[in-house]
C-alpha atoms as a PDB file:
ATOM      1  CA  UNK A   1      -8.861  -3.010  -4.356  1.00  0.00           C
ATOM      2  CA  UNK A   2      -5.183  -3.089  -5.193  1.00  0.00           C
ATOM      3  CA  UNK A   3      -4.419  -3.458  -8.913  1.00  0.00           C
ATOM      4  CA  UNK A   4      -1.825  -6.030  -7.940  1.00  0.00           C
ATOM      5  CA  UNK A   5      -2.137  -9.707  -8.445  1.00  0.00           C
ATOM      6  CA  UNK A   6       0.005 -10.675  -5.472  1.00  0.00           C
ATOM      7  CA  UNK A   7      -1.616  -8.441  -2.827  1.00  0.00           C
ATOM      8  CA  UNK A   8      -5.108  -9.174  -4.078  1.00  0.00           C
ATOM      9  CA  UNK A   9      -4.480 -12.943  -4.284  1.00  0.00           C
ATOM     10  CA  UNK A  10      -3.198 -13.101  -0.685  1.00  0.00           C
ATOM     11  CA  UNK A  11      -6.087 -10.985   0.672  1.00  0.00           C
ATOM     12  CA  UNK A  12      -8.612 -13.156  -1.143  1.00  0.00           C
ATOM     13  CA  UNK A  13      -7.076 -16.453   0.034  1.00  0.00           C
ATOM     14  CA  UNK A  14      -7.204 -15.185   3.635  1.00  0.00           C
ATOM     15  CA  UNK A  15     -10.784 -14.025   3.155  1.00  0.00           C
ATOM     16  CA  UNK A  16     -11.738 -17.496   1.894  1.00  0.00           C
ATOM     17  CA  UNK A  17      -9.992 -19.083   4.834  1.00  0.00           C
ATOM     18  CA  UNK A  18     -11.544 -16.907   7.543  1.00  0.00           C
ATOM     19  CA  UNK A  19     -15.031 -17.023   6.106  1.00  0.00           C
ATOM     20  CA  UNK A  20     -14.991 -20.823   6.122  1.00  0.00           C
ATOM     21  CA  UNK A  21     -15.224 -21.107   2.322  1.00  0.00           C
ATOM     22  CA  UNK A  22     -12.126 -23.361   2.253  1.00  0.00           C
ATOM     23  CA  UNK A  23     -13.498 -25.841   4.813  1.00  0.00           C
ATOM     24  CA  UNK A  24     -13.246 -29.354   3.473  1.00  0.00           C
ATOM     25  CA  UNK A  25     -11.468 -28.288   0.258  1.00  0.00           C
ATOM     26  CA  UNK A  26      -8.161 -29.939  -0.673  1.00  0.00           C
ATOM     27  CA  UNK A  27      -5.387 -29.161  -3.129  1.00  0.00           C
ATOM     28  CA  UNK A  28      -4.253 -31.382  -5.992  1.00  0.00           C
ATOM     29  CA  UNK A  29      -2.260 -33.482  -3.562  1.00  0.00           C
ATOM     30  CA  UNK A  30      -5.238 -34.057  -1.278  1.00  0.00           C
ATOM     31  CA  UNK A  31      -3.996 -31.743   1.492  1.00  0.00           C
ATOM     32  CA  UNK A  32      -6.631 -29.578   3.230  1.00  0.00           C
ATOM     33  CA  UNK A  33      -6.148 -25.835   2.810  1.00  0.00           C
ATOM     34  CA  UNK A  34      -7.219 -25.319   6.413  1.00  0.00           C
ATOM     35  CA  UNK A  35      -4.266 -27.424   7.575  1.00  0.00           C
ATOM     36  CA  UNK A  36      -1.724 -25.173   5.809  1.00  0.00           C
ATOM     37  CA  UNK A  37       0.275 -22.424   7.502  1.00  0.00           C
ATOM     38  CA  UNK A  38      -0.616 -18.966   6.103  1.00  0.00           C
ATOM     39  CA  UNK A  39       2.828 -18.654   4.542  1.00  0.00           C
ATOM     40  CA  UNK A  40       2.232 -21.853   2.646  1.00  0.00           C
ATOM     41  CA  UNK A  41      -1.382 -21.224   1.811  1.00  0.00           C
ATOM     42  CA  UNK A  42      -0.870 -17.902  -0.056  1.00  0.00           C
ATOM     43  CA  UNK A  43       1.689 -19.590  -2.247  1.00  0.00           C
ATOM     44  CA  UNK A  44      -0.699 -22.396  -3.140  1.00  0.00           C
ATOM     45  CA  UNK A  45      -1.880 -21.886  -6.760  1.00  0.00           C
ATOM     46  CA  UNK A  46      -3.358 -25.252  -7.667  1.00  0.00           C
ATOM     47  CA  UNK A  47      -6.493 -25.311  -9.857  1.00  0.00           C
ATOM     48  CA  UNK A  48      -8.980 -25.662  -7.012  1.00  0.00           C
ATOM     49  CA  UNK A  49      -7.780 -22.707  -4.949  1.00  0.00           C
ATOM     50  CA  UNK A  50      -7.190 -20.561  -8.025  1.00  0.00           C
ATOM     51  CA  UNK A  51     -10.791 -21.144  -9.177  1.00  0.00           C
ATOM     52  CA  UNK A  52     -12.089 -20.207  -5.707  1.00  0.00           C
ATOM     53  CA  UNK A  53     -10.004 -17.001  -5.710  1.00  0.00           C
ATOM     54  CA  UNK A  54     -11.236 -16.107  -9.196  1.00  0.00           C
ATOM     55  CA  UNK A  55     -14.868 -16.541  -8.236  1.00  0.00           C
ATOM     56  CA  UNK A  56     -14.471 -14.483  -5.029  1.00  0.00           C
ATOM     57  CA  UNK A  57     -12.745 -11.604  -6.840  1.00  0.00           C
ATOM     58  CA  UNK A  58     -15.404 -11.714  -9.608  1.00  0.00           C
ATOM     59  CA  UNK A  59     -18.189 -11.494  -7.024  1.00  0.00           C
ATOM     60  CA  UNK A  60     -16.409  -8.635  -5.228  1.00  0.00           C
ATOM     61  CA  UNK A  61     -16.284  -6.627  -8.462  1.00  0.00           C
ATOM     62  CA  UNK A  62     -19.906  -5.539  -7.927  1.00  0.00           C
ATOM     63  CA  UNK A  63     -18.975  -3.769  -4.647  1.00  0.00           C
ATOM     64  CA  UNK A  64     -15.795  -2.033  -5.832  1.00  0.00           C
ATOM     65  CA  UNK A  65     -15.334   1.624  -6.634  1.00  0.00           C
ATOM     66  CA  UNK A  66     -12.339   0.528  -8.686  1.00  0.00           C
ATOM     67  CA  UNK A  67      -8.845  -0.948  -8.824  1.00  0.00           C
ATOM     68  CA  UNK A  68      -5.944   1.299  -7.846  1.00  0.00           C
ATOM     69  CA  UNK A  69      -2.259   1.429  -7.195  1.00  0.00           C
ATOM     70  CA  UNK A  70      -1.489   5.064  -6.233  1.00  0.00           C
ATOM     71  CA  UNK A  71      -4.777   7.024  -6.006  1.00  0.00           C
ATOM     72  CA  UNK A  72      -6.594   4.984  -3.362  1.00  0.00           C
ATOM     73  CA  UNK A  73      -5.477   7.387  -0.626  1.00  0.00           C
ATOM     74  CA  UNK A  74      -6.949  10.296  -2.553  1.00  0.00           C
ATOM     75  CA  UNK A  75     -10.251   8.489  -3.061  1.00  0.00           C
ATOM     76  CA  UNK A  76     -10.438   7.908   0.696  1.00  0.00           C
ATOM     77  CA  UNK A  77      -9.748  11.562   1.473  1.00  0.00           C
ATOM     78  CA  UNK A  78     -12.339  12.745  -1.090  1.00  0.00           C
ATOM     79  CA  UNK A  79     -14.961  10.288   0.150  1.00  0.00           C
ATOM     80  CA  UNK A  80     -15.220   8.330  -3.088  1.00  0.00           C
ATOM     81  CA  UNK A  81     -14.143   5.177  -1.279  1.00  0.00           C
ATOM     82  CA  UNK A  82     -14.786   4.101   2.298  1.00  0.00           C
ATOM     83  CA  UNK A  83     -12.270   1.269   2.612  1.00  0.00           C
ATOM     84  CA  UNK A  84      -8.992   0.618   0.789  1.00  0.00           C
ATOM     85  CA  UNK A  85      -6.552  -2.280   0.775  1.00  0.00           C
ATOM     86  CA  UNK A  86      -3.585  -0.045   1.330  1.00  0.00           C
ATOM     87  CA  UNK A  87       0.145  -0.245   1.705  1.00  0.00           C
ATOM     88  CA  UNK A  88       1.281   1.193   5.034  1.00  0.00           C
ATOM     89  CA  UNK A  89       2.903   4.337   3.604  1.00  0.00           C
ATOM     90  CA  UNK A  90      -0.236   5.278   1.603  1.00  0.00           C
ATOM     91  CA  UNK A  91      -2.282   4.573   4.675  1.00  0.00           C
ATOM     92  CA  UNK A  92      -0.109   6.808   6.850  1.00  0.00           C
ATOM     93  CA  UNK A  93      -0.402   9.623   4.331  1.00  0.00           C
ATOM     94  CA  UNK A  94      -4.220   9.298   4.155  1.00  0.00           C
ATOM     95  CA  UNK A  95      -4.653   9.143   7.923  1.00  0.00           C
ATOM     96  CA  UNK A  96      -2.450  12.168   8.598  1.00  0.00           C
ATOM     97  CA  UNK A  97      -4.152  14.177   5.873  1.00  0.00           C
ATOM     98  CA  UNK A  98      -7.569  13.334   7.367  1.00  0.00           C
ATOM     99  CA  UNK A  99      -7.107  15.366  10.525  1.00  0.00           C
ATOM    100  CA  UNK A 100     -10.300  17.296  11.460  1.00  0.00           C
ATOM    101  CA  UNK A 101     -10.049  20.410  13.626  1.00  0.00           C
ATOM    102  CA  UNK A 102     -13.765  20.095  14.231  1.00  0.00           C
ATOM    103  CA  UNK A 103     -13.525  16.540  15.496  1.00  0.00           C
ATOM    104  CA  UNK A 104     -10.054  17.022  17.008  1.00  0.00           C
ATOM    105  CA  UNK A 105      -9.253  13.592  15.634  1.00  0.00           C
ATOM    106  CA  UNK A 106      -8.391  11.766  12.396  1.00  0.00           C
ATOM    107  CA  UNK A 107     -11.282  10.793  10.229  1.00  0.00           C
ATOM    108  CA  UNK A 108      -9.434   7.795   8.819  1.00  0.00           C
ATOM    109  CA  UNK A 109      -7.798   4.851  10.531  1.00  0.00           C
ATOM    110  CA  UNK A 110      -5.308   2.202   9.505  1.00  0.00           C
ATOM    111  CA  UNK A 111      -5.849  -1.390  10.656  1.00  0.00           C
ATOM    112  CA  UNK A 112      -3.904  -4.589  10.357  1.00  0.00           C
ATOM    113  CA  UNK A 113      -5.681  -7.986  10.549  1.00  0.00           C
ATOM    114  CA  UNK A 114      -4.914  -9.751  13.812  1.00  0.00           C
ATOM    115  CA  UNK A 115      -5.381 -13.199  12.242  1.00  0.00           C
ATOM    116  CA  UNK A 116      -3.520 -13.461   8.951  1.00  0.00           C
ATOM    117  CA  UNK A 117      -1.705 -11.269   6.473  1.00  0.00           C
ATOM    118  CA  UNK A 118       1.051 -11.127   3.930  1.00  0.00           C
ATOM    119  CA  UNK A 119       4.392  -9.420   4.535  1.00  0.00           C
ATOM    120  CA  UNK A 120       5.788  -7.053   1.919  1.00  0.00           C
ATOM    121  CA  UNK A 121       8.716  -4.665   1.608  1.00  0.00           C
ATOM    122  CA  UNK A 122      10.333  -2.379  -0.865  1.00  0.00           C
ATOM    123  CA  UNK A 123      14.019  -2.939  -1.451  1.00  0.00           C
ATOM    124  CA  UNK A 124      16.979  -1.472  -3.270  1.00  0.00           C
ATOM    125  CA  UNK A 125      18.876  -4.133  -5.206  1.00  0.00           C
ATOM    126  CA  UNK A 126      21.709  -4.294  -7.696  1.00  0.00           C
ATOM    127  CA  UNK A 127      20.558  -6.148 -10.833  1.00  0.00           C
ATOM    128  CA  UNK A 128      22.911  -8.712 -12.305  1.00  0.00           C
ATOM    129  CA  UNK A 129      22.796  -6.805 -15.565  1.00  0.00           C
ATOM    130  CA  UNK A 130      24.286  -3.590 -14.042  1.00  0.00           C
ATOM    131  CA  UNK A 131      27.144  -1.880 -15.725  1.00  0.00           C
ATOM    132  CA  UNK A 132      30.282  -2.630 -13.596  1.00  0.00           C
ATOM    133  CA  UNK A 133      31.426   0.964 -14.256  1.00  0.00           C
ATOM    134  CA  UNK A 134      28.457   2.160 -12.199  1.00  0.00           C
ATOM    135  CA  UNK A 135      28.954  -0.156  -9.205  1.00  0.00           C
ATOM    136  CA  UNK A 136      30.667   2.482  -7.023  1.00  0.00           C
ATOM    137  CA  UNK A 137      27.876   4.964  -7.718  1.00  0.00           C
ATOM    138  CA  UNK A 138      25.253   2.320  -6.880  1.00  0.00           C
ATOM    139  CA  UNK A 139      26.932   1.546  -3.563  1.00  0.00           C
ATOM    140  CA  UNK A 140      27.226   5.243  -2.711  1.00  0.00           C
ATOM    141  CA  UNK A 141      23.502   5.709  -3.410  1.00  0.00           C
ATOM    142  CA  UNK A 142      22.509   2.760  -1.211  1.00  0.00           C
ATOM    143  CA  UNK A 143      24.895   3.904   1.533  1.00  0.00           C
ATOM    144  CA  UNK A 144      23.322   7.372   1.365  1.00  0.00           C
ATOM    145  CA  UNK A 145      19.836   6.008   1.808  1.00  0.00           C
ATOM    146  CA  UNK A 146      20.979   4.125   4.854  1.00  0.00           C
ATOM    147  CA  UNK A 147      22.565   7.147   6.516  1.00  0.00           C
ATOM    148  CA  UNK A 148      20.598   7.648   9.759  1.00  0.00           C
ATOM    149  CA  UNK A 149      19.406  11.232   9.060  1.00  0.00           C
ATOM    150  CA  UNK A 150      18.409  10.335   5.497  1.00  0.00           C
ATOM    151  CA  UNK A 151      16.604   7.193   6.699  1.00  0.00           C
ATOM    152  CA  UNK A 152      14.742   9.316   9.274  1.00  0.00           C
ATOM    153  CA  UNK A 153      13.738  11.850   6.644  1.00  0.00           C
ATOM    154  CA  UNK A 154      12.640   9.094   4.296  1.00  0.00           C
ATOM    155  CA  UNK A 155      10.428   7.302   6.829  1.00  0.00           C
ATOM    156  CA  UNK A 156       8.946  10.631   7.840  1.00  0.00           C
ATOM    157  CA  UNK A 157       8.175  11.617   4.258  1.00  0.00           C
ATOM    158  CA  UNK A 158       6.733   8.366   2.869  1.00  0.00           C
ATOM    159  CA  UNK A 159       5.463   6.680   6.071  1.00  0.00           C
ATOM    160  CA  UNK A 160       7.286   3.367   5.697  1.00  0.00           C
ATOM    161  CA  UNK A 161       9.402   1.822   8.428  1.00  0.00           C
ATOM    162  CA  UNK A 162      13.098   2.060   7.740  1.00  0.00           C
ATOM    163  CA  UNK A 163      15.479  -0.840   7.281  1.00  0.00           C
ATOM    164  CA  UNK A 164      17.894   1.101   9.470  1.00  0.00           C
ATOM    165  CA  UNK A 165      17.520  -0.134  13.015  1.00  0.00           C
ATOM    166  CA  UNK A 166      15.660   2.071  15.448  1.00  0.00           C
ATOM    167  CA  UNK A 167      18.626   2.263  17.860  1.00  0.00           C
ATOM    168  CA  UNK A 168      20.859   3.559  15.096  1.00  0.00           C
ATOM    169  CA  UNK A 169      18.512   6.388  14.299  1.00  0.00           C
ATOM    170  CA  UNK A 170      17.843   6.960  18.008  1.00  0.00           C
ATOM    171  CA  UNK A 171      21.580   7.461  18.689  1.00  0.00           C
ATOM    172  CA  UNK A 172      22.220   9.838  15.774  1.00  0.00           C
ATOM    173  CA  UNK A 173      21.910  13.584  16.514  1.00  0.00           C
ATOM    174  CA  UNK A 174      21.208  14.546  12.900  1.00  0.00           C
ATOM    175  CA  UNK A 175      18.487  11.908  12.672  1.00  0.00           C
ATOM    176  CA  UNK A 176      17.010  13.167  15.916  1.00  0.00           C
ATOM    177  CA  UNK A 177      16.916  16.717  14.528  1.00  0.00           C
ATOM    178  CA  UNK A 178      14.983  15.486  11.476  1.00  0.00           C
ATOM    179  CA  UNK A 179      12.431  13.700  13.621  1.00  0.00           C
ATOM    180  CA  UNK A 180      12.124  16.541  16.145  1.00  0.00           C
ATOM    181  CA  UNK A 181      11.267  19.025  13.417  1.00  0.00           C
ATOM    182  CA  UNK A 182       8.983  16.593  11.606  1.00  0.00           C
ATOM    183  CA  UNK A 183       7.011  15.711  14.764  1.00  0.00           C
ATOM    184  CA  UNK A 184       7.055  19.286  16.112  1.00  0.00           C
ATOM    185  CA  UNK A 185       9.004  18.428  19.272  1.00  0.00           C
ATOM    186  CA  UNK A 186      10.034  21.231  21.590  1.00  0.00           C
ATOM    187  CA  UNK A 187      13.751  20.508  21.356  1.00  0.00           C
ATOM    188  CA  UNK A 188      15.684  23.768  20.780  1.00  0.00           C
ATOM    189  CA  UNK A 189      18.915  21.780  21.145  1.00  0.00           C
ATOM    190  CA  UNK A 190      18.076  19.912  17.978  1.00  0.00           C
ATOM    191  CA  UNK A 191      16.352  22.419  15.668  1.00  0.00           C
ATOM    192  CA  UNK A 192      15.066  25.959  15.471  1.00  0.00           C
ATOM    193  CA  UNK A 193      11.725  25.599  17.241  1.00  0.00           C
ATOM    194  CA  UNK A 194       8.937  27.991  16.357  1.00  0.00           C
ATOM    195  CA  UNK A 195       6.745  28.588  19.377  1.00  0.00           C
ATOM    196  CA  UNK A 196       6.704  27.537  22.966  1.00  0.00           C
ATOM    197  CA  UNK A 197       6.653  24.056  24.530  1.00  0.00           C
ATOM    198  CA  UNK A 198       2.883  24.372  24.951  1.00  0.00           C
ATOM    199  CA  UNK A 199       2.500  24.957  21.208  1.00  0.00           C
ATOM    200  CA  UNK A 200       4.470  21.886  20.211  1.00  0.00           C
ATOM    201  CA  UNK A 201       3.089  18.364  19.936  1.00  0.00           C
ATOM    202  CA  UNK A 202       5.778  17.036  22.352  1.00  0.00           C
ATOM    203  CA  UNK A 203       7.109  19.025  25.318  1.00  0.00           C
ATOM    204  CA  UNK A 204      10.654  17.682  24.963  1.00  0.00           C
ATOM    205  CA  UNK A 205      12.805  15.100  23.210  1.00  0.00           C
ATOM    206  CA  UNK A 206      12.521  12.578  26.074  1.00  0.00           C
ATOM    207  CA  UNK A 207       8.750  12.520  25.780  1.00  0.00           C
ATOM    208  CA  UNK A 208       8.886  11.988  22.023  1.00  0.00           C
ATOM    209  CA  UNK A 209      11.656   9.410  22.269  1.00  0.00           C
ATOM    210  CA  UNK A 210       9.617   7.354  24.685  1.00  0.00           C
ATOM    211  CA  UNK A 211       6.582   7.563  22.396  1.00  0.00           C
ATOM    212  CA  UNK A 212       8.328   6.949  19.045  1.00  0.00           C
ATOM    213  CA  UNK A 213      10.837   4.255  19.919  1.00  0.00           C
ATOM    214  CA  UNK A 214       9.176   2.495  22.875  1.00  0.00           C
ATOM    215  CA  UNK A 215       5.460   3.128  22.329  1.00  0.00           C
ATOM    216  CA  UNK A 216       5.227   4.365  25.901  1.00  0.00           C
ATOM    217  CA  UNK A 217       4.613   7.450  28.061  1.00  0.00           C
ATOM    218  CA  UNK A 218       5.345   8.649  31.573  1.00  0.00           C
ATOM    219  CA  UNK A 219       2.639   8.561  34.195  1.00  0.00           C
ATOM    220  CA  UNK A 220       4.311  10.346  37.074  1.00  0.00           C
ATOM    221  CA  UNK A 221       7.501   8.397  37.567  1.00  0.00           C
ATOM    222  CA  UNK A 222       6.139   5.247  35.974  1.00  0.00           C
ATOM    223  CA  UNK A 223       6.698   4.281  32.333  1.00  0.00           C
ATOM    224  CA  UNK A 224       3.442   2.962  30.800  1.00  0.00           C
ATOM    225  CA  UNK A 225       3.286   1.122  27.481  1.00  0.00           C
ATOM    226  CA  UNK A 226       0.572   1.923  24.980  1.00  0.00           C
ATOM    227  CA  UNK A 227      -1.509  -0.958  23.693  1.00  0.00           C
ATOM    228  CA  UNK A 228       0.318  -2.109  20.578  1.00  0.00           C
ATOM    229  CA  UNK A 229      -2.835  -2.797  18.610  1.00  0.00           C
ATOM    230  CA  UNK A 230      -4.958   0.286  19.293  1.00  0.00           C
ATOM    231  CA  UNK A 231      -2.195   2.820  19.733  1.00  0.00           C
ATOM    232  CA  UNK A 232       0.980   2.881  17.703  1.00  0.00           C
ATOM    233  CA  UNK A 233       2.992   5.351  15.598  1.00  0.00           C
ATOM    234  CA  UNK A 234       3.358   2.546  13.060  1.00  0.00           C
ATOM    235  CA  UNK A 235       6.857   3.561  11.956  1.00  0.00           C
ATOM    236  CA  UNK A 236       8.596   0.736  13.841  1.00  0.00           C
ATOM    237  CA  UNK A 237       7.202  -2.588  15.038  1.00  0.00           C
ATOM    238  CA  UNK A 238       7.254  -2.916  18.809  1.00  0.00           C
ATOM    239  CA  UNK A 239       7.590  -6.683  19.001  1.00  0.00           C
ATOM    240  CA  UNK A 240       9.407  -9.138  16.801  1.00  0.00           C
ATOM    241  CA  UNK A 241       8.136 -12.594  15.931  1.00  0.00           C
ATOM    242  CA  UNK A 242      10.770 -15.298  15.903  1.00  0.00           C
ATOM    243  CA  UNK A 243      11.169 -17.865  13.167  1.00  0.00           C
ATOM    244  CA  UNK A 244      10.087 -21.428  13.984  1.00  0.00           C
ATOM    245  CA  UNK A 245      12.745 -23.829  15.111  1.00  0.00           C
ATOM    246  CA  UNK A 246      12.915 -25.486  11.652  1.00  0.00           C
ATOM    247  CA  UNK A 247      13.910 -22.081  10.192  1.00  0.00           C
ATOM    248  CA  UNK A 248      11.037 -22.046   7.741  1.00  0.00           C
ATOM    249  CA  UNK A 249      10.658 -18.674   6.042  1.00  0.00           C
ATOM    250  CA  UNK A 250       7.213 -17.732   7.315  1.00  0.00           C
ATOM    251  CA  UNK A 251       5.725 -16.707  10.642  1.00  0.00           C
ATOM    252  CA  UNK A 252       2.696 -18.394  12.276  1.00  0.00           C
ATOM    253  CA  UNK A 253      -0.005 -16.052  11.041  1.00  0.00           C
ATOM    254  CA  UNK A 254       1.858 -14.203   8.299  1.00  0.00           C
ATOM    255  CA  UNK A 255       3.459 -15.150   4.981  1.00  0.00           C
ATOM    256  CA  UNK A 256       5.720 -13.862   2.214  1.00  0.00           C
ATOM    257  CA  UNK A 257       4.511 -14.528  -1.333  1.00  0.00           C
ATOM    258  CA  UNK A 258       6.867 -16.180  -3.751  1.00  0.00           C
ATOM    259  CA  UNK A 259       6.907 -16.201  -7.506  1.00  0.00           C
ATOM    260  CA  UNK A 260       3.999 -18.089  -9.074  1.00  0.00           C
ATOM    261  CA  UNK A 261       6.402 -20.172 -11.135  1.00  0.00           C
ATOM    262  CA  UNK A 262       4.940 -22.266 -13.932  1.00  0.00           C
ATOM    263  CA  UNK A 263       1.431 -21.266 -12.747  1.00  0.00           C
ATOM    264  CA  UNK A 264       2.055 -17.597 -13.408  1.00  0.00           C
ATOM    265  CA  UNK A 265       0.093 -17.658 -16.693  1.00  0.00           C
ATOM    266  CA  UNK A 266      -2.928 -19.287 -15.034  1.00  0.00           C
ATOM    267  CA  UNK A 267      -2.869 -16.762 -12.133  1.00  0.00           C
ATOM    268  CA  UNK A 268      -2.616 -13.782 -14.513  1.00  0.00           C
ATOM    269  CA  UNK A 269      -5.441 -15.160 -16.684  1.00  0.00           C
ATOM    270  CA  UNK A 270      -7.701 -15.588 -13.642  1.00  0.00           C
ATOM    271  CA  UNK A 271      -6.810 -12.128 -12.382  1.00  0.00           C
ATOM    272  CA  UNK A 272      -7.589 -10.477 -15.754  1.00  0.00           C
ATOM    273  CA  UNK A 273     -10.872 -12.310 -15.926  1.00  0.00           C
ATOM    274  CA  UNK A 274     -11.874 -11.151 -12.445  1.00  0.00           C
ATOM    275  CA  UNK A 275     -10.992  -7.526 -13.171  1.00  0.00           C
ATOM    276  CA  UNK A 276     -12.931  -7.435 -16.437  1.00  0.00           C
ATOM    277  CA  UNK A 277     -15.859  -9.596 -15.402  1.00  0.00           C
ATOM    278  CA  UNK A 278     -19.199  -7.841 -15.377  1.00  0.00           C
ATOM    279  CA  UNK A 279     -18.092  -5.045 -17.702  1.00  0.00           C
ATOM    280  CA  UNK A 280     -20.860  -4.349 -20.187  1.00  0.00           C
ATOM    281  CA  UNK A 281     -19.463  -3.654 -23.629  1.00  0.00           C
ATOM    282  CA  UNK A 282     -22.717  -2.147 -24.991  1.00  0.00           C
ATOM    283  CA  UNK A 283     -22.252   1.295 -23.497  1.00  0.00           C
ATOM    284  CA  UNK A 284     -18.728   1.420 -24.843  1.00  0.00           C
ATOM    285  CA  UNK A 285     -19.870   0.317 -28.279  1.00  0.00           C
ATOM    286  CA  UNK A 286     -22.675   2.841 -28.183  1.00  0.00           C
ATOM    287  CA  UNK A 287     -20.432   5.755 -27.374  1.00  0.00           C
ATOM    288  CA  UNK A 288     -17.941   4.587 -29.965  1.00  0.00           C
ATOM    289  CA  UNK A 289     -20.686   4.468 -32.613  1.00  0.00           C
ATOM    290  CA  UNK A 290     -21.838   7.949 -31.592  1.00  0.00           C
ATOM    291  CA  UNK A 291     -18.314   9.300 -31.820  1.00  0.00           C
ATOM    292  CA  UNK A 292     -17.927   7.837 -35.296  1.00  0.00           C
ATOM    293  CA  UNK A 293     -21.281   9.299 -36.366  1.00  0.00           C
ATOM    294  CA  UNK A 294     -20.298  12.758 -35.056  1.00  0.00           C
ATOM    295  CA  UNK A 295     -16.933  12.608 -36.806  1.00  0.00           C
ATOM    296  CA  UNK A 296     -18.567  11.496 -40.090  1.00  0.00           C
ATOM    297  CA  UNK A 297     -21.134  14.318 -39.775  1.00  0.00           C
ATOM    298  CA  UNK A 298     -18.387  16.851 -39.182  1.00  0.00           C
ATOM    299  CA  UNK A 299     -16.547  15.680 -42.299  1.00  0.00           C
ATOM    300  CA  UNK A 300     -19.736  15.877 -44.385  1.00  0.00           C
ATOM    301  CA  UNK A 301     -20.446  19.389 -43.085  1.00  0.00           C
ATOM    302  CA  UNK A 302     -16.969  20.590 -44.001  1.00  0.00           C
ATOM    303  CA  UNK A 303     -17.268  19.139 -47.521  1.00  0.00           C
ATOM    304  CA  UNK A 304     -20.774  20.672 -47.954  1.00  0.00           C
ATOM    305  CA  UNK A 305     -19.563  24.128 -46.770  1.00  0.00           C
ATOM    306  CA  UNK A 306     -16.644  23.977 -49.232  1.00  0.00           C
ATOM    307  CA  UNK A 307     -19.029  23.186 -52.106  1.00  0.00           C
ATOM    308  CA  UNK A 308     -21.368  25.989 -51.154  1.00  0.00           C
ATOM    309  CA  UNK A 309     -18.484  28.457 -50.976  1.00  0.00           C
ATOM    310  CA  UNK A 310     -17.148  27.296 -54.354  1.00  0.00           C
ATOM    311  CA  UNK A 311     -20.646  27.657 -55.878  1.00  0.00           C
ATOM    312  CA  UNK A 312     -21.025  31.187 -54.507  1.00  0.00           C
ATOM    313  CA  UNK A 313     -17.637  32.200 -55.916  1.00  0.00           C
ATOM    314  CA  UNK A 314     -18.635  30.973 -59.400  1.00  0.00           C
ATOM    315  CA  UNK A 315     -21.880  32.942 -59.264  1.00  0.00           C
ATOM    316  CA  UNK A 316     -20.120  36.151 -58.400  1.00  0.00           C
END
């Protein structure tokens, strides 16, 4: 489970919703949770929903291998964990590292819920407290990250979709060269290919371009689209959901979490309780007592040895 209040809270709220545990429940204003849009529901932190989330997370603790932020992908690859609530970049890394020559397939898969989910993103921002003398350097850095070839290298390295539009990367030769090398495309016009077309993963740039940017392939002279759910390179979304007419900031089945506001303390308290619930302090106390006893014994032994040595010296 993610060691993150926000991601874990959203996942738990959607679990409660889909499992029917919120049926008939209402918030402090008497509104049913089941009548709320997902984007509204995951930002609901009234006492009733918060208590339900805390209880669900506490019960889940018995089934967890642990809480993680960065090492979940490694636990999946090592077999310590079977399922991980993962950010897309970590998931991409784990999936690609799980390739099995014996199976001729990946041992891990990455799946998005088709019903509900929370939207997240990483972003570069300029804090209000920045030193004005550094503003030009800050802008140069952000501009550099948005250069098409750098954006292509970044999405290839860490697995996240780029904020740079697909068409911008698609139309940039340097960015194409980065992708061609990274995806082992037989495109001598873009990079120094090692091997023949048969030894590469894509026979030419046109084949890769169709796959990467359009999620499609050629069947004879016909362009055929892959199924967006079961087959996708995951770097770019292949369909865009439009905002509702009233311009609310959430999509029908997805939501963006906001700050918990004046309920932040209550949420953090519930989260800390859930994480620590079920932890037996006796083993910890036992090992602590043993360590103290060993340390005290070592000190006594040293003192005794010094006295023996001093006594022997006097006898001589």
